């Protein structure tokens, strides 16, 4: 009994494949000719049905990757259609031989895209590593049980030419399944979810309040210090430092009737006074509300 007939998860797929007729080389060629030259959909349907066993057999090889088998079979049929579109009637080869590569390729690409929400690489080397990693690791571990995990990874790297970073990422990817952030933690009496244990990037509420209070204190100290300055120095600081569109030295000099160099000197002297006025209070403000 064929493997697809033993697999109970297939249901109607197995019955459909079991009833599909086998085609002789001549019948196969005639159907291909009808599709390729005349776009005869009935010919394509018969060709597809007769090769459904091949599609299911390929799909079963990849069912251990956590992707629904029905999806793999559907993707395999898409690969079969692609093979029918690309087949050359001049080729002296059975269609099943040609189609096998396309079916397998489409199924593998689908697994790579859907096996995990974390997308992996799709280069030929990474693709080979993804589908061969488990087999290679099992064979090496069986032959060399004394090797550590890192040594096994190094052996796989030597065989495939993949770097150790890709090897370790693939091992991690295949060694664990995706977990929902809404999954309830085992042993939690309060239905605590995984997302509840993740550290937040934004500051905590008490840190936000502390920053807000510090900002208010600094602003209050600044304005208290400005009030101690002479009127002209207050004017320079307000126009040059506290306005969003700070006034230029030249424009402010014209308003005050002095040169822009004189305004710069007044500003420099006022800034130094503010620093001196605020510095002594910094050590005493921390305990104030």
Protein backbone atom coordinates (compact mmCIF):
# COMPACT_ATOMS: atom_id res chain seq x y z
CA UNK A 1 0.00 0.00 0.00
CA UNK A 2 1.37 3.43 -0.97
CA UNK A 3 2.31 5.88 1.78
CA UNK A 4 -0.38 8.36 0.77
CA UNK A 5 -3.00 5.63 1.19
CA UNK A 6 -1.82 4.87 4.72
CA UNK A 7 -1.83 8.52 5.85
CA UNK A 8 -5.24 9.13 7.46
CA UNK A 9 -4.83 12.92 7.41
CA UNK A 10 -5.19 13.02 3.62
CA UNK A 11 -8.84 11.98 3.47
CA UNK A 12 -10.28 12.78 0.02
CA UNK A 13 -6.84 13.49 -1.41
CA UNK A 14 -5.85 9.83 -1.05
CA UNK A 15 -9.09 8.60 -2.59
CA UNK A 16 -8.69 10.99 -5.51
CA UNK A 17 -5.11 9.90 -6.10
CA UNK A 18 -6.00 6.22 -5.82
CA UNK A 19 -8.61 6.53 -8.55
CA UNK A 20 -6.39 8.55 -10.87
CA UNK A 21 -5.54 6.62 -14.08
CA UNK A 22 -1.98 5.81 -15.02
CA UNK A 23 -0.93 7.15 -18.42
CA UNK A 24 1.18 5.55 -21.07
CA UNK A 25 3.95 7.63 -22.61
CA UNK A 26 1.83 8.13 -25.74
CA UNK A 27 -1.26 9.23 -23.74
CA UNK A 28 0.88 11.59 -21.69
CA UNK A 29 2.40 13.15 -24.81
CA UNK A 30 -1.00 13.62 -26.40
CA UNK A 31 -2.35 15.43 -23.32
CA UNK A 32 0.75 17.63 -23.13
CA UNK A 33 0.42 18.45 -26.81
CA UNK A 34 -3.24 19.38 -26.33
CA UNK A 35 -2.37 21.75 -23.50
CA UNK A 36 0.81 23.30 -24.92
CA UNK A 37 -0.40 23.85 -28.47
CA UNK A 38 -4.16 24.31 -28.03
CA UNK A 39 -4.54 25.31 -24.34
CA UNK A 40 -6.99 22.45 -23.91
CA UNK A 41 -7.97 22.63 -20.22
CA UNK A 42 -9.54 19.18 -20.29
CA UNK A 43 -6.17 17.76 -21.31
CA UNK A 44 -4.49 19.66 -18.48
CA UNK A 45 -7.05 18.39 -15.96
CA UNK A 46 -6.43 14.78 -16.98
CA UNK A 47 -2.67 15.30 -16.84
CA UNK A 48 -2.92 16.87 -13.39
CA UNK A 49 -5.18 14.14 -12.03
CA UNK A 50 -2.94 11.37 -13.29
CA UNK A 51 0.05 12.92 -11.47
CA UNK A 52 -1.74 13.64 -8.17
CA UNK A 53 -0.01 10.63 -6.61
CA UNK A 54 3.34 12.22 -7.42
CA UNK A 55 2.29 15.54 -5.83
CA UNK A 56 1.05 13.86 -2.64
CA UNK A 57 4.17 11.72 -2.35
CA UNK A 58 6.36 14.83 -2.56
CA UNK A 59 4.18 16.73 -0.07
CA UNK A 60 4.42 13.90 2.49
CA UNK A 61 8.20 14.28 2.52
CA UNK A 62 7.85 17.74 4.04
CA UNK A 63 4.93 17.32 6.44
CA UNK A 64 7.29 17.25 9.46
CA UNK A 65 8.04 20.97 9.03
CA UNK A 66 4.80 22.06 10.69
CA UNK A 67 2.99 23.25 7.57
CA UNK A 68 -0.53 21.89 6.84
CA UNK A 69 -0.33 18.94 4.47
CA UNK A 70 -3.26 20.21 2.42
CA UNK A 71 -1.32 23.44 1.76
CA UNK A 72 1.72 21.47 0.65
CA UNK A 73 -0.38 19.42 -1.76
CA UNK A 74 -1.97 22.56 -3.18
CA UNK A 75 1.44 24.17 -3.65
CA UNK A 76 2.70 20.98 -5.26
CA UNK A 77 -0.12 21.15 -7.80
CA UNK A 78 0.91 24.71 -8.63
CA UNK A 79 4.41 23.38 -9.29
CA UNK A 80 2.87 20.70 -11.48
CA UNK A 81 1.05 23.38 -13.52
CA UNK A 82 4.30 25.29 -13.89
CA UNK A 83 5.99 22.16 -15.19
CA UNK A 84 3.19 21.64 -17.74
CA UNK A 85 3.63 25.23 -18.96
CA UNK A 86 7.41 24.89 -19.32
CA UNK A 87 7.63 21.38 -20.73
CA UNK A 88 9.12 21.07 -24.22
CA UNK A 89 7.50 18.47 -26.45
CA UNK A 90 10.89 17.85 -28.02
CA UNK A 91 12.22 16.46 -24.74
CA UNK A 92 12.62 12.69 -24.75
CA UNK A 93 11.69 12.34 -21.08
CA UNK A 94 8.62 11.34 -19.14
CA UNK A 95 6.64 14.26 -17.78
CA UNK A 96 6.74 12.87 -14.23
CA UNK A 97 10.54 13.04 -14.25
CA UNK A 98 10.49 16.66 -15.40
CA UNK A 99 7.62 17.69 -13.11
CA UNK A 100 9.17 16.20 -9.95
CA UNK A 101 11.72 19.02 -9.73
CA UNK A 102 9.09 21.74 -10.09
CA UNK A 103 6.74 20.12 -7.58
CA UNK A 104 9.51 19.74 -5.01
CA UNK A 105 10.79 23.28 -5.62
CA UNK A 106 7.38 24.89 -5.11
CA UNK A 107 6.74 22.87 -1.94
CA UNK A 108 10.16 23.75 -0.52
CA UNK A 109 9.69 27.46 -1.22
CA UNK A 110 6.27 27.33 0.47
CA UNK A 111 7.74 25.65 3.54
CA UNK A 112 10.48 28.27 3.75
CA UNK A 113 7.92 31.06 3.59
CA UNK A 114 5.45 29.58 6.06
CA UNK A 115 7.31 27.27 8.45
CA UNK A 116 7.88 30.20 10.80
CA UNK A 117 6.78 33.81 11.10
CA UNK A 118 10.49 34.59 11.14
CA UNK A 119 11.62 34.63 7.54
CA UNK A 120 14.82 32.81 6.70
CA UNK A 121 17.15 33.12 3.76
CA UNK A 122 16.16 31.65 0.41
CA UNK A 123 19.53 31.34 -1.32
CA UNK A 124 20.35 27.91 -2.75
CA UNK A 125 22.89 27.25 0.01
CA UNK A 126 20.53 28.27 2.81
CA UNK A 127 17.74 26.28 1.19
CA UNK A 128 19.95 23.20 1.09
CA UNK A 129 20.95 23.76 4.70
CA UNK A 130 17.35 24.17 5.86
CA UNK A 131 16.16 20.90 4.35
CA UNK A 132 19.33 18.91 5.01
CA UNK A 133 20.27 20.10 8.49
CA UNK A 134 18.26 17.55 10.50
CA UNK A 135 19.42 14.64 8.38
CA UNK A 136 23.09 15.68 8.44
CA UNK A 137 23.04 16.29 12.19
CA UNK A 138 21.37 12.94 12.90
CA UNK A 139 23.88 11.07 10.72
CA UNK A 140 26.87 12.80 12.32
CA UNK A 141 25.55 12.31 15.86
CA UNK A 142 25.00 8.62 15.13
CA UNK A 143 28.50 8.10 13.75
CA UNK A 144 30.26 10.36 16.26
CA UNK A 145 28.32 10.39 19.57
CA UNK A 146 31.34 11.90 21.31
CA UNK A 147 31.01 15.21 19.43
CA UNK A 148 29.58 18.25 21.19
CA UNK A 149 26.87 20.41 19.62
CA UNK A 150 29.43 22.99 18.48
CA UNK A 151 31.58 20.25 16.95
CA UNK A 152 28.56 18.86 15.10
CA UNK A 153 27.85 22.33 13.78
CA UNK A 154 31.46 22.64 12.64
CA UNK A 155 31.24 19.33 10.77
CA UNK A 156 28.04 20.46 9.03
CA UNK A 157 29.75 23.73 8.13
CA UNK A 158 32.66 21.80 6.60
CA UNK A 159 30.29 19.64 4.55
CA UNK A 160 28.02 22.39 3.27
CA UNK A 161 30.34 25.39 3.11
CA UNK A 162 27.89 27.41 5.22
CA UNK A 163 29.36 29.66 7.90
CA UNK A 164 28.91 28.88 11.59
CA UNK A 165 26.56 31.82 12.11
CA UNK A 166 24.09 30.41 9.57
CA UNK A 167 24.49 26.92 11.04
CA UNK A 168 23.65 28.08 14.57
CA UNK A 169 20.71 30.20 13.37
CA UNK A 170 19.31 27.21 11.47
CA UNK A 171 19.75 24.96 14.50
CA UNK A 172 17.87 27.45 16.65
CA UNK A 173 15.13 27.90 14.06
CA UNK A 174 14.50 24.18 13.61
CA UNK A 175 14.89 23.39 17.28
CA UNK A 176 12.00 25.49 18.55
CA UNK A 177 8.50 26.34 17.39
CA UNK A 178 6.93 29.79 17.21
CA UNK A 179 5.16 30.75 20.43
CA UNK A 180 2.28 33.19 20.64
CA UNK A 181 2.79 36.21 22.90
CA UNK A 182 -0.76 35.57 24.12
CA UNK A 183 0.10 32.06 25.31
CA UNK A 184 -0.68 31.53 29.01
CA UNK A 185 2.38 30.62 31.07
CA UNK A 186 2.31 27.17 32.59
CA UNK A 187 1.77 27.18 36.34
CA UNK A 188 0.38 30.72 36.33
CA UNK A 189 -2.61 31.03 38.67
CA UNK A 190 -3.51 34.48 37.31
CA UNK A 191 -3.53 33.55 33.59
CA UNK A 192 -0.30 35.45 33.10
CA UNK A 193 0.61 35.65 29.40
CA UNK A 194 4.06 35.54 27.84
CA UNK A 195 3.75 39.17 26.69
CA UNK A 196 3.28 40.20 30.36
CA UNK A 197 6.83 39.05 31.13
CA UNK A 198 8.53 41.07 28.38
CA UNK A 199 10.45 44.17 29.32
CA UNK A 200 8.95 47.38 27.93
CA UNK A 201 11.13 49.80 25.96
CA UNK A 202 9.41 52.88 27.35
CA UNK A 203 10.25 54.17 30.86
CA UNK A 204 8.24 53.09 33.90
CA UNK A 205 5.51 55.41 35.30
CA UNK A 206 7.61 56.44 38.32
CA UNK A 207 10.52 57.26 36.00
CA UNK A 208 8.25 59.44 33.84
CA UNK A 209 7.03 61.33 36.93
CA UNK A 210 10.59 61.77 38.18
CA UNK A 211 11.76 63.20 34.84
CA UNK A 212 8.73 65.52 34.77
CA UNK A 213 9.41 66.80 38.30
CA UNK A 214 13.11 67.32 37.55
CA UNK A 215 12.18 69.31 34.45
CA UNK A 216 9.78 71.51 36.44
CA UNK A 217 12.41 72.14 39.14
CA UNK A 218 15.07 73.05 36.56
CA UNK A 219 12.67 75.40 34.78
CA UNK A 220 11.69 77.08 38.05
CA UNK A 221 15.35 77.56 39.06
CA UNK A 222 16.13 79.01 35.65
CA UNK A 223 13.37 81.64 35.73
CA UNK A 224 14.19 82.54 39.34
CA UNK A 225 17.81 83.08 38.30
CA UNK A 226 16.82 85.19 35.28
CA UNK A 227 14.83 87.52 37.58
CA UNK A 228 18.07 88.37 39.41
CA UNK A 229 19.67 89.76 36.24
CA UNK A 230 19.62 93.44 35.25
CA UNK A 231 16.77 94.33 32.81
CA UNK A 232 18.98 94.54 29.73
CA UNK A 233 20.59 91.18 30.42
CA UNK A 234 17.12 89.66 30.97
CA UNK A 235 16.07 91.04 27.59
CA UNK A 236 19.08 89.51 25.86
CA UNK A 237 18.57 86.08 27.47
CA UNK A 238 14.84 85.99 26.72
CA UNK A 239 15.26 87.11 23.09
CA UNK A 240 18.34 85.00 22.35
CA UNK A 241 17.75 81.82 24.37
CA UNK A 242 14.09 81.47 25.32
CA UNK A 243 12.37 82.31 22.04
CA UNK A 244 11.88 79.55 19.46
CA UNK A 245 12.99 81.96 16.72
CA UNK A 246 15.98 83.40 18.53
CA UNK A 247 16.82 86.97 17.58
CA UNK A 248 20.19 87.50 15.85
CA UNK A 249 22.93 89.49 17.56
CA UNK A 250 22.71 92.18 14.89
CA UNK A 251 18.91 92.58 15.11
CA UNK A 252 18.95 92.70 18.89
CA UNK A 253 21.82 95.22 18.83
CA UNK A 254 19.74 97.58 16.69
CA UNK A 255 16.82 97.32 19.15
CA UNK A 256 19.09 98.06 22.12
CA UNK A 257 21.16 100.70 20.29
CA UNK A 258 24.46 98.84 20.64
CA UNK A 259 26.74 96.82 18.37
CA UNK A 260 26.25 93.08 17.88
CA UNK A 261 29.63 92.51 19.59
CA UNK A 262 28.30 94.35 22.65
CA UNK A 263 25.19 92.15 22.63
CA UNK A 264 27.46 89.07 22.55
CA UNK A 265 29.37 90.35 25.58
CA UNK A 266 26.13 91.03 27.49
CA UNK A 267 24.85 87.55 26.61
CA UNK A 268 28.10 85.89 27.69
CA UNK A 269 28.13 87.76 31.03
CA UNK A 270 24.44 86.95 31.66
CA UNK A 271 24.94 83.25 30.91
CA UNK A 272 27.82 83.06 33.36
CA UNK A 273 25.70 84.73 36.04
CA UNK A 274 22.91 82.15 35.46
CA UNK A 275 25.35 79.26 35.79
CA UNK A 276 26.72 80.71 39.02
CA UNK A 277 23.23 81.36 40.37
CA UNK A 278 21.92 77.87 39.64
CA UNK A 279 24.97 75.79 40.57
CA UNK A 280 24.73 76.09 44.38
CA UNK A 281 21.06 75.08 44.44
CA UNK A 282 21.50 71.82 42.50
CA UNK A 283 22.58 69.86 45.55
CA UNK A 284 19.61 71.05 47.62
CA UNK A 285 16.81 70.71 45.06
CA UNK A 286 16.78 66.93 44.99
CA UNK A 287 14.83 66.67 48.22
CA UNK A 288 12.32 69.40 47.35
CA UNK A 289 8.85 68.44 46.05
